[in-house]
C-alpha atoms as a PDB file:
ATOM      1  CA  MET A   1      59.010 248.336 136.702  1.00  0.00           C
ATOM      2  CA  ASP A   2      59.837 251.364 134.565  1.00  0.00           C
ATOM      3  CA  VAL A   3      57.856 251.208 131.325  1.00  0.00           C
ATOM      4  CA  ARG A   4      58.541 253.429 128.329  1.00  0.00           C
ATOM      5  CA  ARG A   5      56.113 253.733 125.405  1.00  0.00           C
ATOM      6  CA  VAL A   6      57.252 254.986 121.998  1.00  0.00           C
ATOM      7  CA  VAL A   7      54.432 255.609 119.507  1.00  0.00           C
ATOM      8  CA  THR A   8      54.632 256.151 115.762  1.00  0.00           C
ATOM      9  CA  GLY A   9      51.992 257.725 113.543  1.00  0.00           C
ATOM     10  CA  HIS A  10      51.629 259.750 110.359  1.00  0.00           C
ATOM     11  CA  ASP A  11      51.894 263.454 109.707  1.00  0.00           C
ATOM     12  CA  ASP A  12      49.496 265.370 107.447  1.00  0.00           C
ATOM     13  CA  ASN A  13      51.474 264.234 104.382  1.00  0.00           C
ATOM     14  CA  GLY A  14      51.314 260.545 105.343  1.00  0.00           C
ATOM     15  CA  LYS A  15      54.970 260.439 106.395  1.00  0.00           C
ATOM     16  CA  ALA A  16      55.840 258.139 109.320  1.00  0.00           C
ATOM     17  CA  VAL A  17      56.752 260.112 112.446  1.00  0.00           C
ATOM     18  CA  PHE A  18      57.403 259.533 116.152  1.00  0.00           C
ATOM     19  CA  VAL A  19      54.476 261.127 117.958  1.00  0.00           C
ATOM     20  CA  SER A  20      55.355 260.340 121.563  1.00  0.00           C
ATOM     21  CA  ASP A  21      58.052 258.882 123.773  1.00  0.00           C
ATOM     22  CA  GLU A  22      57.117 258.803 127.446  1.00  0.00           C
ATOM     23  CA  PRO A  23      56.998 256.749 130.633  1.00  0.00           C
ATOM     24  CA  VAL A  24      53.792 254.931 131.537  1.00  0.00           C
ATOM     25  CA  ALA A  25      52.946 254.852 135.241  1.00  0.00           C
ATOM     26  CA  PRO A  26      51.058 251.817 136.547  1.00  0.00           C
ATOM     27  CA  ALA A  27      47.649 251.738 138.146  1.00  0.00           C
ATOM     28  CA  ALA A  28      48.014 250.012 141.528  1.00  0.00           C
ATOM     29  CA  PRO A  29      44.567 249.504 143.079  1.00  0.00           C
ATOM     30  CA  THR A  30      44.694 249.139 146.853  1.00  0.00           C
ATOM     31  CA  VAL A  31      42.146 246.321 146.770  1.00  0.00           C
ATOM     32  CA  LEU A  32      44.503 244.304 144.505  1.00  0.00           C
ATOM     33  CA  ALA A  33      47.453 244.698 146.874  1.00  0.00           C
ATOM     34  CA  GLY A  34      50.812 244.290 145.155  1.00  0.00           C
ATOM     35  CA  SER A  35      49.355 244.192 141.634  1.00  0.00           C
ATOM     36  CA  GLU A  36      50.205 246.725 138.932  1.00  0.00           C
ATOM     37  CA  PHE A  37      48.497 247.412 135.605  1.00  0.00           C
ATOM     38  CA  HIS A  38      50.225 249.387 132.826  1.00  0.00           C
ATOM     39  CA  GLU A  39      47.774 250.552 130.169  1.00  0.00           C
ATOM     40  CA  LEU A  40      49.982 250.680 127.054  1.00  0.00           C
ATOM     41  CA  TRP A  41      47.509 251.150 124.214  1.00  0.00           C
ATOM     42  CA  GLY A  42      43.888 250.609 123.296  1.00  0.00           C
ATOM     43  CA  GLY A  43      41.144 251.228 120.808  1.00  0.00           C
ATOM     44  CA  HIS A  44      37.395 250.761 120.682  1.00  0.00           C
ATOM     45  CA  ALA A  45      36.921 250.062 116.974  1.00  0.00           C
ATOM     46  CA  THR A  46      38.715 248.704 113.941  1.00  0.00           C
ATOM     47  CA  GLN A  47      41.875 250.733 113.448  1.00  0.00           C
ATOM     48  CA  ARG A  48      42.417 252.891 110.352  1.00  0.00           C
ATOM     49  CA  PHE A  49      45.573 254.287 108.770  1.00  0.00           C
ATOM     50  CA  PRO A  50      47.039 256.753 108.253  1.00  0.00           C
ATOM     51  CA  ASP A  51      46.564 258.006 111.770  1.00  0.00           C
ATOM     52  CA  THR A  52      48.093 260.580 114.071  1.00  0.00           C
ATOM     53  CA  GLY A  53      49.304 257.952 116.541  1.00  0.00           C
ATOM     54  CA  GLY A  54      47.253 259.628 119.236  1.00  0.00           C
ATOM     55  CA  GLU A  55      46.212 257.504 122.163  1.00  0.00           C
ATOM     56  CA  GLN A  56      42.514 256.673 122.410  1.00  0.00           C
ATOM     57  CA  PRO A  57      41.304 256.734 126.006  1.00  0.00           C
ATOM     58  CA  ASP A  58      40.028 253.366 127.183  1.00  0.00           C
ATOM     59  CA  ALA A  59      36.459 253.581 128.460  1.00  0.00           C
ATOM     60  CA  THR A  60      36.695 250.049 129.881  1.00  0.00           C
ATOM     61  CA  TYR A  61      39.454 247.690 130.984  1.00  0.00           C
ATOM     62  CA  PHE A  62      38.393 245.012 128.484  1.00  0.00           C
ATOM     63  CA  PRO A  63      37.845 245.987 124.835  1.00  0.00           C
ATOM     64  CA  PRO A  64      34.500 245.797 123.038  1.00  0.00           C
ATOM     65  CA  VAL A  65      34.074 243.617 119.951  1.00  0.00           C
ATOM     66  CA  GLY A  66      36.510 244.973 117.362  1.00  0.00           C
ATOM     67  CA  GLY A  67      38.471 246.894 120.022  1.00  0.00           C
ATOM     68  CA  LEU A  68      41.912 246.127 121.406  1.00  0.00           C
ATOM     69  CA  ARG A  69      44.061 246.618 124.488  1.00  0.00           C
ATOM     70  CA  PHE A  70      47.832 246.283 125.040  1.00  0.00           C
ATOM     71  CA  LYS A  71      48.928 246.092 128.687  1.00  0.00           C
ATOM     72  CA  PHE A  72      51.374 244.892 131.303  1.00  0.00           C
ATOM     73  CA  PHE A  73      50.084 243.432 134.533  1.00  0.00           C
ATOM     74  CA  SER A  74      51.810 242.030 137.570  1.00  0.00           C
ATOM     75  CA  LEU A  75      50.767 239.607 140.265  1.00  0.00           C
ATOM     76  CA  PRO A  76      52.301 239.510 143.737  1.00  0.00           C
ATOM     77  CA  PRO A  77      53.228 236.184 145.324  1.00  0.00           C
ATOM     78  CA  ALA A  78      50.397 234.418 147.143  1.00  0.00           C
ATOM     79  CA  GLY A  79      49.700 235.765 150.601  1.00  0.00           C
ATOM     80  CA  GLN A  80      49.907 239.482 149.783  1.00  0.00           C
ATOM     81  CA  ASP A  81      47.801 241.000 152.533  1.00  0.00           C
ATOM     82  CA  LEU A  82      45.470 243.963 152.208  1.00  0.00           C
ATOM     83  CA  PRO A  83      46.038 246.806 154.669  1.00  0.00           C
ATOM     84  CA  PRO A  84      44.268 245.959 157.965  1.00  0.00           C
ATOM     85  CA  ASP A  85      42.508 249.333 158.013  1.00  0.00           C
ATOM     86  CA  LEU A  86      41.305 249.084 154.410  1.00  0.00           C
ATOM     87  CA  ASP A  87      38.152 251.032 153.598  1.00  0.00           C
ATOM     88  CA  VAL A  88      36.633 248.416 151.285  1.00  0.00           C
ATOM     89  CA  MET A  89      34.104 250.747 149.637  1.00  0.00           C
ATOM     90  CA  ALA A  90      36.774 253.373 148.930  1.00  0.00           C
ATOM     91  CA  ALA A  91      39.122 250.670 147.570  1.00  0.00           C
ATOM     92  CA  LEU A  92      36.420 249.328 145.236  1.00  0.00           C
ATOM     93  CA  THR A  93      35.657 252.864 144.043  1.00  0.00           C
ATOM     94  CA  GLU A  94      39.388 253.354 143.377  1.00  0.00           C
ATOM     95  CA  LEU A  95      39.512 250.043 141.469  1.00  0.00           C
ATOM     96  CA  GLU A  96      36.646 251.176 139.210  1.00  0.00           C
ATOM     97  CA  GLU A  97      38.342 254.535 138.585  1.00  0.00           C
ATOM     98  CA  LEU A  98      41.732 252.985 137.767  1.00  0.00           C
ATOM     99  CA  LEU A  99      40.517 249.911 135.828  1.00  0.00           C
ATOM    100  CA  PRO A 100      36.954 250.663 134.633  1.00  0.00           C
ATOM    101  CA  GLY A 101      34.737 247.607 134.369  1.00  0.00           C
ATOM    102  CA  LEU A 102      37.329 245.048 135.526  1.00  0.00           C
ATOM    103  CA  SER A 103      35.496 244.159 138.732  1.00  0.00           C
ATOM    104  CA  SER A 104      32.207 243.536 136.886  1.00  0.00           C
ATOM    105  CA  TYR A 105      33.773 240.442 135.290  1.00  0.00           C
ATOM    106  CA  MET A 106      35.026 238.998 138.589  1.00  0.00           C
ATOM    107  CA  GLU A 107      32.974 236.309 140.322  1.00  0.00           C
ATOM    108  CA  PRO A 108      32.492 237.232 144.001  1.00  0.00           C
ATOM    109  CA  GLU A 109      31.563 233.637 144.890  1.00  0.00           C
ATOM    110  CA  ASP A 110      34.806 232.298 143.317  1.00  0.00           C
ATOM    111  CA  PRO A 111      37.486 235.004 143.788  1.00  0.00           C
ATOM    112  CA  GLY A 112      39.656 235.693 140.763  1.00  0.00           C
ATOM    113  CA  MET A 113      37.575 233.578 138.379  1.00  0.00           C
ATOM    114  CA  HIS A 114      36.316 235.500 135.346  1.00  0.00           C
ATOM    115  CA  THR A 115      35.284 235.175 131.693  1.00  0.00           C
ATOM    116  CA  THR A 116      35.659 237.909 129.090  1.00  0.00           C
ATOM    117  CA  ALA A 117      34.599 238.386 125.484  1.00  0.00           C
ATOM    118  CA  THR A 118      38.218 238.666 124.371  1.00  0.00           C
ATOM    119  CA  ILE A 119      41.023 236.712 122.785  1.00  0.00           C
ATOM    120  CA  ASP A 120      44.117 237.370 124.906  1.00  0.00           C
ATOM    121  CA  PHE A 121      47.744 236.803 123.980  1.00  0.00           C
ATOM    122  CA  GLU A 122      49.931 236.731 127.121  1.00  0.00           C
ATOM    123  CA  VAL A 123      53.692 236.406 127.595  1.00  0.00           C
ATOM    124  CA  VAL A 124      55.314 235.891 130.987  1.00  0.00           C
ATOM    125  CA  LEU A 125      58.160 238.403 131.318  1.00  0.00           C
ATOM    126  CA  GLU A 126      59.287 237.667 134.897  1.00  0.00           C
ATOM    127  CA  GLY A 127      58.486 235.179 137.617  1.00  0.00           C
ATOM    128  CA  GLU A 128      55.929 232.437 137.342  1.00  0.00           C
ATOM    129  CA  VAL A 129      52.152 232.288 137.246  1.00  0.00           C
ATOM    130  CA  GLU A 130      49.521 229.626 137.368  1.00  0.00           C
ATOM    131  CA  LEU A 131      46.541 229.675 135.020  1.00  0.00           C
ATOM    132  CA  GLU A 132      43.509 227.768 136.319  1.00  0.00           C
ATOM    133  CA  LEU A 133      40.477 226.911 134.191  1.00  0.00           C
ATOM    134  CA  ASP A 134      36.913 226.411 135.396  1.00  0.00           C
ATOM    135  CA  ASP A 135      37.280 222.638 135.816  1.00  0.00           C
ATOM    136  CA  GLY A 136      40.312 223.040 138.108  1.00  0.00           C
ATOM    137  CA  ALA A 137      42.872 222.197 135.416  1.00  0.00           C
ATOM    138  CA  LYS A 138      46.048 224.230 135.992  1.00  0.00           C
ATOM    139  CA  VAL A 139      49.214 225.026 134.098  1.00  0.00           C
ATOM    140  CA  ARG A 140      52.302 226.712 135.529  1.00  0.00           C
ATOM    141  CA  LEU A 141      54.027 229.222 133.274  1.00  0.00           C
ATOM    142  CA  GLY A 142      57.463 230.808 133.534  1.00  0.00           C
ATOM    143  CA  ARG A 143      59.531 233.443 131.803  1.00  0.00           C
ATOM    144  CA  GLY A 144      59.016 233.326 128.033  1.00  0.00           C
ATOM    145  CA  ASP A 145      55.955 231.067 128.183  1.00  0.00           C
ATOM    146  CA  THR A 146      52.899 232.216 126.242  1.00  0.00           C
ATOM    147  CA  VAL A 147      49.143 231.710 126.428  1.00  0.00           C
ATOM    148  CA  VAL A 148      46.386 232.251 123.894  1.00  0.00           C
ATOM    149  CA  GLN A 149      43.287 232.712 126.038  1.00  0.00           C
ATOM    150  CA  ASN A 150      40.127 232.172 123.976  1.00  0.00           C
ATOM    151  CA  GLY A 151      37.363 233.612 126.140  1.00  0.00           C
ATOM    152  CA  THR A 152      37.554 230.806 128.709  1.00  0.00           C
ATOM    153  CA  ARG A 153      36.597 231.032 132.387  1.00  0.00           C
ATOM    154  CA  HIS A 154      39.862 231.295 134.302  1.00  0.00           C
ATOM    155  CA  ARG A 155      41.886 232.819 137.119  1.00  0.00           C
ATOM    156  CA  TRP A 156      45.539 233.815 137.540  1.00  0.00           C
ATOM    157  CA  SER A 157      47.709 233.281 140.611  1.00  0.00           C
ATOM    158  CA  ASN A 158      51.376 233.572 141.499  1.00  0.00           C
ATOM    159  CA  PRO A 159      52.728 230.442 143.236  1.00  0.00           C
ATOM    160  CA  GLY A 160      56.276 231.828 143.298  1.00  0.00           C
ATOM    161  CA  THR A 161      58.158 233.998 145.755  1.00  0.00           C
ATOM    162  CA  GLU A 162      58.739 236.982 143.450  1.00  0.00           C
ATOM    163  CA  LYS A 163      56.366 239.356 141.667  1.00  0.00           C
ATOM    164  CA  ALA A 164      55.298 237.989 138.262  1.00  0.00           C
ATOM    165  CA  ARG A 165      54.945 240.311 135.243  1.00  0.00           C
ATOM    166  CA  LEU A 166      53.088 239.615 132.027  1.00  0.00           C
ATOM    167  CA  VAL A 167      52.334 241.468 128.829  1.00  0.00           C
ATOM    168  CA  VAL A 168      48.887 240.981 127.272  1.00  0.00           C
ATOM    169  CA  PHE A 169      47.293 241.982 123.979  1.00  0.00           C
ATOM    170  CA  MET A 170      43.482 241.648 124.080  1.00  0.00           C
ATOM    171  CA  CYS A 171      41.116 241.671 121.103  1.00  0.00           C
ATOM    172  CA  GLY A 172      37.375 242.079 121.669  1.00  0.00           C
ATOM    173  CA  ALA A 173      35.488 239.131 120.152  1.00  0.00           C
ATOM    174  CA  GLN A 174      31.954 237.779 119.857  1.00  0.00           C
ATOM    175  CA  HIS A 175      31.263 235.383 122.739  1.00  0.00           C
ATOM    176  CA  ASP A 176      27.996 233.457 123.103  1.00  0.00           C
ATOM    177  CA  ARG A 177      28.323 233.309 126.898  1.00  0.00           C
ATOM    178  CA  VAL A 178      29.494 236.843 127.715  1.00  0.00           C
ATOM    179  CA  THR A 179      27.606 240.078 127.088  1.00  0.00           C
END
C-alpha cells in the first residue's frame, strides 16, 4: 500500500504552512510475516501549538500516558508461514528495532494476546479482521467498521483470504493493570 503523509504546521509568524509531503514506507518485521506497520505520526507528551509540524521520533510503539500514535497496520490471512530458515533471534532483534517495545506487550503463552495502557480508535480500511477478547468473545469487522479499544486484553486475526488493513489512533492513558 502506498501511503502519503502531508503535514501542516506554523511558521515563525504563526501562519499555517505545509511542512512536509512525503511517502511513508512500512516496517515489515520478518517475524510477523506478511504484516506491515506504517508509523504516520506520534508524540510523547501533550501537544502544544503553534508548532513547526516537525515529526517527533517515537521511542516506543505504544505511547506513554499523554502521548499519541497514528498508524496503519496490516494483517495477512491466517496461515502466513514464516521462512523455514528463519533466524529467530535475528528476527526478534529486527522486530525490536522496527517496532520498539511492541513485543514486550505480547503474551508468549497465548500468542497475539496483549493489553496496553492506551485507548485505540481503529477503522478497517480493507479486508476483514476478527477481534478476540480475553474471555474468547469475538467480533468480525469489515471495511468501514470501527472499534474503540479501551485498554482491554485482546488479539487480532485475519479470517479472510486477503490482506486486511486498518488505521489506528492510540492515546496513552492511565491503566490500573498495565505499567
